[in-house]
Protein backbone atom coordinates (compact mmCIF):
# COMPACT_ATOMS: atom_id res chain seq x y z
CA MET A 1 0.00 0.00 0.00
CA LYS A 2 1.27 3.44 -0.93
CA VAL A 3 -0.15 6.74 0.39
CA GLU A 4 1.32 9.95 -0.98
CA GLN A 5 0.36 13.48 0.01
CA ILE A 6 0.84 15.91 -2.87
CA TYR A 7 0.98 19.27 -1.13
CA THR A 8 0.71 22.62 -2.93
CA GLY A 9 2.01 25.45 -0.76
CA CYS A 10 0.42 28.29 -2.73
CA LEU A 11 -3.04 26.93 -1.90
CA ALA A 12 -1.99 25.19 1.33
CA GLN A 13 -3.79 22.21 -0.21
CA GLY A 14 -3.20 18.48 0.06
CA ALA A 15 -4.25 16.04 -2.66
CA TYR A 16 -3.70 12.32 -2.12
CA TYR A 17 -2.60 9.38 -4.24
CA ILE A 18 -3.35 5.91 -2.85
CA GLU A 19 -2.10 2.77 -4.59
CA SER A 20 -2.34 -0.97 -3.94
CA ASN A 21 -1.69 -3.97 -6.17
CA GLY A 22 -1.93 -2.12 -9.49
CA GLU A 23 -4.93 0.04 -8.64
CA ALA A 24 -4.98 3.66 -7.49
CA ALA A 25 -7.29 6.39 -6.26
CA VAL A 26 -6.83 10.15 -6.17
CA ILE A 27 -8.50 12.33 -3.53
CA ASP A 28 -9.20 16.04 -4.13
CA PRO A 29 -6.96 16.47 -7.21
CA LEU A 30 -5.68 19.84 -8.38
CA ARG A 31 -6.84 21.33 -11.70
CA GLU A 32 -3.81 20.07 -13.66
CA VAL A 33 -4.17 16.29 -13.67
CA GLY A 34 -1.15 15.23 -15.72
CA PRO A 35 1.06 14.51 -12.68
CA TYR A 36 -1.46 11.99 -11.25
CA ILE A 37 -1.79 10.21 -14.59
CA ARG A 38 1.99 10.05 -15.08
CA LYS A 39 2.48 8.76 -11.54
CA ALA A 40 0.05 5.90 -12.14
CA GLU A 41 1.58 5.08 -15.51
CA LEU A 42 5.08 5.02 -14.03
CA ASN A 43 3.90 2.58 -11.36
CA GLN A 44 1.93 0.55 -13.91
CA ALA A 45 -1.25 1.23 -11.97
CA THR A 46 -4.79 2.07 -13.09
CA ILE A 47 -6.60 5.00 -11.49
CA LYS A 48 -9.85 3.37 -10.36
CA TYR A 49 -11.58 6.18 -8.45
CA VAL A 50 -11.48 9.97 -8.10
CA PHE A 51 -12.76 10.84 -4.62
CA GLU A 52 -14.00 14.31 -3.69
CA THR A 53 -14.41 15.19 -0.01
CA HIS A 54 -16.83 18.06 -0.82
CA PHE A 55 -17.48 20.88 -3.27
CA HIS A 56 -14.36 22.95 -2.72
CA ALA A 57 -14.58 26.73 -2.37
CA ASP A 58 -10.92 27.78 -2.41
CA PHE A 59 -9.84 25.98 -5.58
CA VAL A 60 -11.21 24.29 -8.68
CA SER A 61 -10.66 20.55 -8.45
CA GLY A 62 -9.34 18.47 -11.34
CA HIS A 63 -11.97 15.78 -10.83
CA ILE A 64 -13.73 16.25 -14.18
CA ASP A 65 -10.59 16.22 -16.35
CA LEU A 66 -9.07 13.34 -14.39
CA SER A 67 -12.23 11.27 -14.77
CA ARG A 68 -12.50 12.08 -18.48
CA LYS A 69 -8.87 11.16 -19.16
CA THR A 70 -8.78 7.94 -17.12
CA GLY A 71 -12.36 6.68 -17.16
CA ALA A 72 -12.34 6.56 -13.35
CA PRO A 73 -15.69 7.53 -11.79
CA ILE A 74 -15.96 10.61 -9.60
CA VAL A 75 -17.17 9.75 -6.10
CA TYR A 76 -18.96 12.19 -3.77
CA GLY A 77 -20.58 11.60 -0.43
CA PRO A 78 -24.31 11.73 0.40
CA LEU A 79 -26.31 14.87 -0.47
CA ALA A 80 -23.96 15.91 -3.31
CA SER A 81 -25.79 16.80 -6.52
CA PRO A 82 -23.26 17.67 -9.23
CA ALA A 83 -24.28 18.60 -12.77
CA PHE A 84 -22.13 15.82 -14.26
CA ALA A 85 -21.94 12.05 -13.98
CA ALA A 86 -20.73 10.94 -10.55
CA HIS A 87 -21.22 8.11 -8.08
CA ILE A 88 -22.96 9.40 -4.95
CA ALA A 89 -21.77 7.16 -2.14
CA THR A 90 -23.97 6.05 0.74
CA ASP A 91 -22.73 6.55 4.28
CA GLY A 92 -20.50 3.58 5.09
CA GLU A 93 -20.10 2.45 1.46
CA VAL A 94 -16.86 0.54 0.88
CA PHE A 95 -14.60 0.90 -2.18
CA ARG A 96 -11.80 -1.56 -2.93
CA ILE A 97 -8.45 -0.45 -4.35
CA GLY A 98 -6.18 -3.44 -4.85
CA ASN A 99 -5.81 -5.06 -1.44
CA VAL A 100 -7.05 -2.09 0.60
CA THR A 101 -10.44 -0.47 1.13
CA ILE A 102 -11.78 3.05 1.47
CA THR A 103 -15.01 3.66 3.40
CA ALA A 104 -17.10 6.79 2.91
CA LEU A 105 -18.02 8.48 6.20
CA HIS A 106 -20.61 11.24 5.77
CA THR A 107 -19.49 14.14 7.98
CA PRO A 108 -21.64 17.21 7.29
CA GLY A 109 -20.72 20.51 8.90
CA HIS A 110 -18.19 22.32 6.76
CA THR A 111 -20.65 21.63 3.94
CA MET A 112 -23.65 19.33 3.95
CA GLU A 113 -22.10 16.85 1.48
CA SER A 114 -18.72 16.79 3.28
CA THR A 115 -17.42 13.25 3.49
CA CYS A 116 -14.26 11.75 4.99
CA TYR A 117 -12.68 8.60 3.58
CA LEU A 118 -11.37 5.92 5.94
CA LEU A 119 -8.48 3.86 4.56
CA LYS A 120 -8.03 0.29 5.83
CA ASP A 121 -4.88 -1.67 5.03
CA GLU A 122 -4.49 -5.20 3.63
CA ASN A 123 -5.41 -6.66 7.03
CA GLY A 124 -8.51 -4.54 7.46
CA LYS A 125 -6.84 -2.26 10.04
CA PRO A 126 -7.78 1.45 9.92
CA ALA A 127 -4.66 3.24 8.65
CA GLY A 128 -5.66 6.73 7.53
CA LEU A 129 -8.49 9.22 7.43
CA PHE A 130 -8.72 11.61 4.50
CA SER A 131 -10.62 14.27 6.38
CA GLY A 132 -11.12 16.93 3.71
CA ASP A 133 -12.16 20.20 5.33
CA THR A 134 -13.93 18.49 8.23
CA LEU A 135 -10.85 18.05 10.41
CA PHE A 136 -7.58 19.91 10.03
CA ILE A 137 -4.42 19.64 12.08
CA GLY A 138 -5.16 21.93 15.02
CA ASP A 139 -8.50 23.12 13.69
CA VAL A 140 -11.75 22.18 11.93
CA GLY A 141 -13.42 23.47 8.79
CA ARG A 142 -15.26 26.78 8.78
CA PRO A 143 -19.03 26.30 9.14
CA ASP A 144 -19.94 29.56 7.38
CA LEU A 145 -19.09 28.84 3.74
CA ALA A 146 -21.91 26.57 2.58
CA GLN A 147 -24.49 29.13 3.70
CA LYS A 148 -23.26 31.32 0.83
CA VAL A 149 -24.49 28.66 -1.60
CA VAL A 150 -27.47 27.09 0.23
CA ALA A 151 -29.89 29.78 1.39
CA ASP A 152 -31.58 28.06 4.34
CA LEU A 153 -28.34 27.17 6.14
CA THR A 154 -26.78 29.23 8.92
CA GLN A 155 -23.30 28.96 10.33
CA ASP A 156 -24.71 27.86 13.69
CA LYS A 157 -26.69 25.03 12.06
CA LEU A 158 -23.61 23.90 10.15
CA ALA A 159 -21.48 24.12 13.29
CA GLY A 160 -23.99 21.88 15.06
CA HIS A 161 -23.75 19.33 12.26
CA LEU A 162 -19.95 19.53 12.47
CA TYR A 163 -20.04 18.88 16.21
CA ASP A 164 -22.10 15.72 15.63
CA SER A 165 -19.88 14.54 12.78
CA LEU A 166 -16.70 14.91 14.82
CA ARG A 167 -18.11 13.20 17.91
CA ASN A 168 -20.04 10.42 16.19
CA LYS A 169 -17.91 9.59 13.15
CA ILE A 170 -14.33 10.68 13.76
CA MET A 171 -13.49 10.74 17.47
CA PRO A 172 -14.47 7.05 17.99
CA LEU A 173 -11.81 5.98 15.44
CA PRO A 174 -8.47 4.53 16.66
CA ASP A 175 -5.94 6.96 18.13
CA ASP A 176 -3.08 5.65 15.96
CA LEU A 177 -4.95 6.54 12.78
CA THR A 178 -3.15 9.09 10.57
CA VAL A 179 -5.22 12.17 9.70
CA TYR A 180 -4.69 13.45 6.16
CA PRO A 181 -6.47 16.85 5.84
CA ALA A 182 -7.18 18.83 2.67
CA HIS A 183 -5.44 21.98 3.94
CA GLY A 184 -2.76 23.36 6.24
CA ALA A 185 -1.70 26.76 7.56
CA GLY A 186 -2.39 29.58 5.15
CA SER A 187 -5.74 28.35 3.89
CA ALA A 188 -8.82 30.49 4.49
CA CYS A 189 -10.90 27.32 4.99
CA GLY A 190 -9.98 27.26 8.69
CA LYS A 191 -9.15 29.84 11.36
CA ASN A 192 -5.85 28.78 12.84
CA MET A 193 -4.62 25.46 11.49
CA SER A 194 -1.16 24.02 12.09
CA LYS A 195 1.79 24.14 9.72
CA GLU A 196 1.94 20.35 10.10
CA THR A 197 0.08 18.58 7.30
CA THR A 198 -0.55 15.19 8.98
CA ASP A 199 -0.90 13.91 12.53
CA THR A 200 -2.33 11.02 14.52
CA LEU A 201 -5.94 11.27 15.57
CA GLY A 202 -4.93 10.58 19.17
CA HIS A 203 -2.65 13.60 19.27
CA GLN A 204 -5.35 15.76 17.72
CA LYS A 205 -7.77 14.65 20.43
CA ALA A 206 -5.24 15.92 22.95
CA VAL A 207 -4.36 19.29 21.36
CA ASN A 208 -7.12 20.33 18.94
CA TYR A 209 -9.51 22.73 20.71
CA ALA A 210 -12.47 21.42 18.70
CA LEU A 211 -11.98 17.82 19.85
CA ARG A 212 -12.07 18.46 23.60
CA ALA A 213 -13.86 15.52 25.15
CA ASP A 214 -15.79 17.66 27.65
CA MET A 215 -16.92 20.28 25.14
CA THR A 216 -20.66 20.84 24.94
CA ARG A 217 -22.48 21.45 21.68
CA ASP A 218 -23.11 25.11 22.57
CA GLU A 219 -19.46 25.63 23.56
CA PHE A 220 -18.35 24.11 20.27
CA ILE A 221 -20.64 26.32 18.20
CA LYS A 222 -19.42 29.42 20.04
CA GLU A 223 -15.71 28.57 19.74
CA VAL A 224 -15.75 27.39 16.13
CA THR A 225 -17.63 30.48 14.91
CA ASN A 226 -15.64 33.00 16.96
CA GLY A 227 -13.20 35.11 14.95
CA LEU A 228 -14.63 34.34 11.52
CA VAL A 229 -14.47 37.10 8.92
CA ALA A 230 -16.11 37.29 5.51
CA PRO A 231 -14.62 34.66 3.17
CA PRO A 232 -12.95 35.68 -0.10
CA ALA A 233 -15.51 36.67 -2.73
CA TYR A 234 -14.32 34.01 -5.19
CA PHE A 235 -15.22 31.11 -2.87
CA PRO A 236 -18.88 30.70 -3.93
CA LEU A 237 -17.86 31.11 -7.59
CA ASN A 238 -15.39 28.23 -7.26
CA VAL A 239 -18.05 26.12 -5.55
CA MET A 240 -20.33 26.58 -8.56
CA LEU A 241 -17.54 25.61 -10.99
CA ASN A 242 -16.92 22.46 -8.97
CA ILE A 243 -20.65 21.66 -9.03
CA GLN A 244 -21.46 22.63 -12.60
CA GLY A 245 -18.24 21.87 -14.48
CA TYR A 246 -15.63 23.89 -16.37
CA ASP A 247 -13.45 24.05 -19.48
CA SER A 248 -10.69 21.48 -19.83
CA ILE A 249 -7.35 22.69 -18.51
CA ASP A 250 -5.95 21.93 -21.99
CA GLU A 251 -8.29 24.52 -23.54
CA VAL A 252 -7.42 27.06 -20.86
CA LEU A 253 -3.68 26.66 -21.49
CA LYS A 254 -4.11 26.92 -25.25
CA ARG A 255 -6.20 30.10 -24.92
CA GLY A 256 -3.75 31.74 -22.54
CA GLN A 257 -0.47 30.96 -24.25
CA GLN A 258 -0.83 33.53 -27.01
CA ALA A 259 2.46 35.44 -27.32
CA LEU A 260 1.66 39.09 -28.09
CA SER A 261 3.99 41.81 -29.36
CA PRO A 262 3.91 45.08 -27.42
CA ALA A 263 1.63 46.63 -30.05
CA ALA A 264 -0.70 43.63 -30.05
CA PHE A 265 -0.67 43.54 -26.25
CA GLU A 266 -1.63 47.21 -26.01
CA ALA A 267 -4.35 46.75 -28.63
CA ALA A 268 -5.78 43.72 -26.83
CA ALA A 269 -5.90 45.64 -23.54
CA THR A 270 -7.71 48.53 -25.21
CA GLU A 271 -10.15 46.46 -27.25
CA THR A 272 -11.12 43.88 -24.61
CA GLY A 273 -10.79 45.82 -21.37
CA ALA A 274 -8.65 42.95 -20.09
CA LEU A 275 -6.93 43.33 -16.73
CA ILE A 276 -3.13 43.49 -17.01
CA LEU A 277 -1.65 41.21 -14.36
CA ASP A 278 2.08 41.48 -13.67
CA THR A 279 3.39 38.47 -11.73
CA ARG A 280 7.02 39.50 -11.29
CA ASP A 281 8.74 40.11 -7.95
CA PRO A 282 7.20 43.13 -6.15
CA GLN A 283 10.37 45.24 -6.12
CA VAL A 284 11.14 44.39 -9.76
CA PHE A 285 7.60 45.48 -10.60
CA ALA A 286 7.99 48.73 -8.64
CA ALA A 287 11.01 49.72 -10.73
CA GLY A 288 8.98 49.70 -13.95
CA PHE A 289 5.68 48.32 -15.23
CA VAL A 290 3.01 48.69 -17.88
CA PRO A 291 0.71 51.53 -16.73
CA ASN A 292 -2.48 50.43 -14.93
CA SER A 293 -1.25 46.87 -14.42
CA ILE A 294 -1.56 45.25 -11.01
CA ASN A 295 1.11 43.18 -9.31
CA ILE A 296 0.44 39.82 -7.67
CA GLY A 297 3.79 38.03 -7.51
CA ILE A 298 3.90 34.42 -8.62
CA ASP A 299 6.35 33.57 -5.82
CA GLY A 300 3.88 34.01 -2.97
CA GLN A 301 0.30 33.13 -2.05
CA PHE A 302 -0.53 33.88 -5.66
CA ALA A 303 -3.77 32.05 -6.41
CA PRO A 304 -5.63 33.00 -3.20
CA TRP A 305 -4.72 36.67 -3.63
CA VAL A 306 -5.83 36.62 -7.26
CA GLY A 307 -9.14 35.24 -6.00
CA ALA A 308 -9.43 37.88 -3.31
CA MET A 309 -8.50 40.83 -5.54
CA ILE A 310 -10.19 40.05 -8.88
CA PRO A 311 -13.95 39.81 -8.24
CA ASP A 312 -15.00 38.32 -11.59
CA ILE A 313 -13.58 34.90 -12.42
CA LYS A 314 -14.61 35.48 -16.06
CA GLN A 315 -12.43 38.60 -16.23
CA GLN A 316 -10.16 38.51 -19.29
CA ILE A 317 -6.51 38.74 -18.25
CA LEU A 318 -3.32 39.75 -20.05
CA LEU A 319 -0.05 38.67 -18.44
CA VAL A 320 3.37 40.17 -17.86
CA THR A 321 5.58 37.43 -16.42
CA ASP A 322 9.17 36.40 -15.94
CA GLU A 323 10.31 34.75 -19.15
CA GLY A 324 9.43 31.07 -19.31
CA ARG A 325 6.84 31.15 -16.52
CA GLU A 326 3.77 31.89 -18.65
CA GLU A 327 2.34 28.35 -18.51
CA GLU A 328 2.89 28.17 -14.75
CA VAL A 329 1.00 31.42 -14.22
CA ILE A 330 -1.92 30.36 -16.45
CA THR A 331 -2.13 27.03 -14.63
CA ARG A 332 -2.12 28.64 -11.21
CA LEU A 333 -4.81 31.08 -12.27
CA ALA A 334 -6.93 28.17 -13.47
CA ARG A 335 -6.57 26.47 -10.09
CA VAL A 336 -8.88 29.12 -8.67
CA GLY A 337 -11.17 29.39 -11.69
CA TYR A 338 -9.60 32.26 -13.64
CA ASP A 339 -9.73 30.59 -17.03
CA TYR A 340 -9.79 33.61 -19.33
CA THR A 341 -6.15 34.54 -19.79
CA ILE A 342 -6.03 35.70 -23.41
CA GLY A 343 -2.30 36.21 -23.93
CA TYR A 344 1.00 37.42 -22.53
CA LEU A 345 3.56 40.11 -23.36
CA LYS A 346 6.21 38.41 -25.47
CA GLY A 347 9.65 39.43 -24.27
CA GLY A 348 8.20 40.93 -21.09
CA LEU A 349 8.78 44.49 -19.93
CA ALA A 350 12.13 44.66 -21.78
CA ALA A 351 10.31 44.28 -25.10
CA TRP A 352 7.73 46.86 -23.99
CA LYS A 353 10.50 49.40 -23.26
CA GLU A 354 12.35 48.61 -26.50
CA ALA A 355 9.14 49.36 -28.40
CA GLY A 356 9.14 52.83 -26.87
CA MET A 357 6.02 52.24 -24.80
CA GLU A 358 5.29 54.28 -21.67
CA THR A 359 6.09 52.75 -18.26
CA ASP A 360 5.16 53.63 -14.69
CA GLN A 361 6.92 53.23 -11.32
CA ILE A 362 6.08 52.96 -7.62
CA ARG A 363 8.44 54.56 -5.12
CA SER A 364 9.88 52.25 -2.45
CA VAL A 365 11.78 53.08 0.74
CA ASP A 366 13.48 50.92 3.33
CA ALA A 367 13.15 51.19 7.12
CA ALA A 368 16.09 53.59 7.51
CA GLU A 369 14.78 55.92 4.81
CA LEU A 370 11.32 55.93 6.37
CA ALA A 371 12.79 56.71 9.80
CA ALA A 372 14.74 59.64 8.35
CA ILE A 373 11.63 60.99 6.63
CA SER A 374 9.61 60.67 9.85
CA LYS A 375 12.04 63.04 11.63
CA THR A 376 11.15 65.92 9.33
CA GLU A 377 7.56 65.11 8.35
CA ASP A 378 4.32 64.07 10.03
CA ILE A 379 4.00 60.84 8.08
CA CYS A 380 1.05 58.53 7.42
CA ILE A 381 1.86 54.82 7.80
CA VAL A 382 -0.70 52.27 6.61
CA ASP A 383 -0.52 48.60 7.61
CA VAL A 384 -2.35 46.40 5.06
CA ARG A 385 -1.99 43.12 6.95
CA LYS A 386 -5.06 41.26 8.18
CA LYS A 387 -6.84 42.72 11.18
CA SER A 388 -5.74 39.73 13.29
CA GLU A 389 -2.09 40.38 12.44
CA TYR A 390 -2.43 44.08 13.20
CA LEU A 391 -4.11 43.47 16.56
CA SER A 392 -1.38 41.02 17.48
CA GLU A 393 1.43 43.55 16.94
CA HIS A 394 1.88 46.76 14.94
CA LEU A 395 3.74 50.04 14.68
CA VAL A 396 2.42 52.64 17.11
CA ASN A 397 0.27 55.16 15.18
CA ALA A 398 0.03 52.97 12.05
CA GLU A 399 -3.45 52.74 10.53
CA ASN A 400 -4.85 49.33 9.59
CA ALA A 401 -6.32 49.03 6.07
CA PRO A 402 -6.42 45.28 5.31
CA LEU A 403 -5.72 44.24 1.74
CA ASP A 404 -8.42 41.58 2.11
CA PHE A 405 -11.04 44.35 2.11
CA ILE A 406 -9.33 46.84 -0.17
CA ASN A 407 -12.51 48.57 -1.32
CA ASP A 408 -13.36 49.44 2.28
CA SER A 409 -9.75 50.20 3.15
CA MET A 410 -9.22 52.71 0.35
CA SER A 411 -12.05 54.88 1.68
CA SER A 412 -9.77 56.04 4.51
CA LEU A 413 -7.03 57.23 2.11
CA GLN A 414 -6.82 60.58 0.35
CA LYS A 415 -5.47 60.77 -3.20
CA ASP A 416 -3.50 63.94 -2.47
CA LYS A 417 -1.85 62.61 0.69
CA THR A 418 1.44 60.70 0.79
CA CYS A 419 1.13 57.43 2.71
CA PHE A 420 3.74 54.75 3.35
CA ILE A 421 2.28 51.28 2.86
CA HIS A 422 3.57 48.11 4.46
CA CYS A 423 2.47 44.51 5.04
CA ALA A 424 4.38 41.69 6.73
CA GLY A 425 7.22 41.30 4.25
CA GLY A 426 6.53 43.36 1.14
CA TYR A 427 4.34 41.04 -0.97
CA ARG A 428 0.86 42.30 -0.10
CA SER A 429 1.79 45.97 0.10
CA MET A 430 2.74 45.98 -3.58
CA ILE A 431 -0.60 44.39 -4.49
CA PHE A 432 -2.31 47.17 -2.52
CA ASN A 433 -0.16 49.90 -4.05
CA SER A 434 -0.55 48.69 -7.63
CA ILE A 435 -4.34 48.40 -7.42
CA LEU A 436 -4.76 51.84 -5.92
CA ARG A 437 -2.29 53.40 -8.35
CA ALA A 438 -4.42 52.08 -11.20
CA ARG A 439 -7.34 53.84 -9.47
CA GLY A 440 -5.55 57.18 -9.38
CA TYR A 441 -3.72 57.08 -6.02
CA THR A 442 -0.28 58.29 -7.11
CA ARG A 443 1.19 59.30 -3.74
CA LEU A 444 1.47 55.89 -2.08
CA VAL A 445 4.98 54.71 -1.20
CA ASP A 446 5.92 51.08 -0.62
CA VAL A 447 7.96 50.02 2.41
CA LYS A 448 10.53 47.35 1.50
CA GLY A 449 10.59 44.32 3.78
CA GLY A 450 7.33 45.26 5.51
CA PHE A 451 6.65 45.04 9.23
CA LYS A 452 9.44 42.53 9.74
CA ALA A 453 12.07 44.98 8.49
CA LEU A 454 10.53 47.91 10.37
CA LYS A 455 10.47 46.02 13.66
CA GLU A 456 13.97 44.58 13.27
CA SER A 457 15.38 48.03 12.50
CA GLY A 458 14.58 49.17 16.06
CA LEU A 459 13.76 52.60 14.67
CA PHE A 460 10.02 52.52 15.33
CA PRO A 461 7.92 51.94 18.48
CA VAL A 462 5.93 48.71 18.34
CA THR A 463 2.92 47.66 20.43
CA ASP A 464 3.21 44.76 22.87
CA TYR A 465 2.71 41.35 21.27
CA VAL A 466 -0.66 39.65 21.81
CA CYS A 467 -1.07 36.03 20.73
CA PRO A 468 -3.71 35.95 17.95
CA THR A 469 -6.80 33.78 18.42
CA THR A 470 -7.40 33.54 14.67
CA LEU A 471 -5.30 33.86 11.55
CA LEU A 472 -8.19 35.07 9.41
């Protein structure tokens, strides 16, 4: 028996490949399915099932393409009603893969169709639980997402279902069972999950606040719903793609990989109203970029921030990337449902400059420069980290304007006022700066290195540290 976790840091997402005696199953696959198919072929195994733990909100699963390319049926748990062919498992239904079995355990709460899959080895011993978004390491799934899709649900009702699922289906399982969740730290599907991506169930019973043996139903509902903030706007749109279907990833890649000359790129932007997305390093972007483009660096939490910042998943997108990374960017956009990339700037910004096209810049300063400026000016410092980060620790007198809620945050800024913008390390502040610059805010200055650099410089007073209760 082979169990492999295929973890994608950008999405903090775990897909799983299980193999036994020439047969395999994939659980919660990513949009690009080639790696799973190649893995099975290399091992001379046949993919027999594609299991889905629920209708995902934070990414578009590869279940449809993987099923189409392998012939393996898609399996959902009870209450799922997809718009495509799928096997809807009954609670307790057993699936055989080679010499091992997988049992569907219906565990509503995160969503109503949420289902965990219990793996038993060749001897029938429980070996692993693929817990989806029901149980994370150190946390449980948010009970407020499905209510965005199903009108008569409330987060308290879902939390109650989750309490029952955990106590009746999961906590009675053996302590030595390995828990394989769908997400780890960094995902918005939970409040405060661990950086660890697997653990034993017994250890989780001891340390996970939601699995306390003496916890009442009311206490659970209160604790699991405390600290929740509005989920990213793209979540319900991804849910609908996962329910209704989507274009093949092959079509998306073909559509996006259109190399455009500077003139053709400019014409496409004008004619289509496409958003220009620059995925280069934030400081490289700051030094020069195509006017009105926004920066979301590929080497960061790229896909979730695209989802949070671009409200329409059908928005046409034109790309400026580091050379050779065009396909990677298109793929990572597709992971969160942004399928309408229509081309990229051939030769990048260098070609744009060589063609004599206009460029723009964003001013950046480091901690020492900002400290020197603050001695002669009454400066405005804006912290665009999440509210939970800001409340935990921040510069004295810094305003909090979270990037997550940029439309609300920008209302506190004045276009004719110079403000110095920082986040934790410099990634999010450039997203914030680039979006607002495209909206006419030309006096925003980026702070290199973010809060980390400002604090370590010792040049600015910082509030006392308070341990955060949520990472949302």
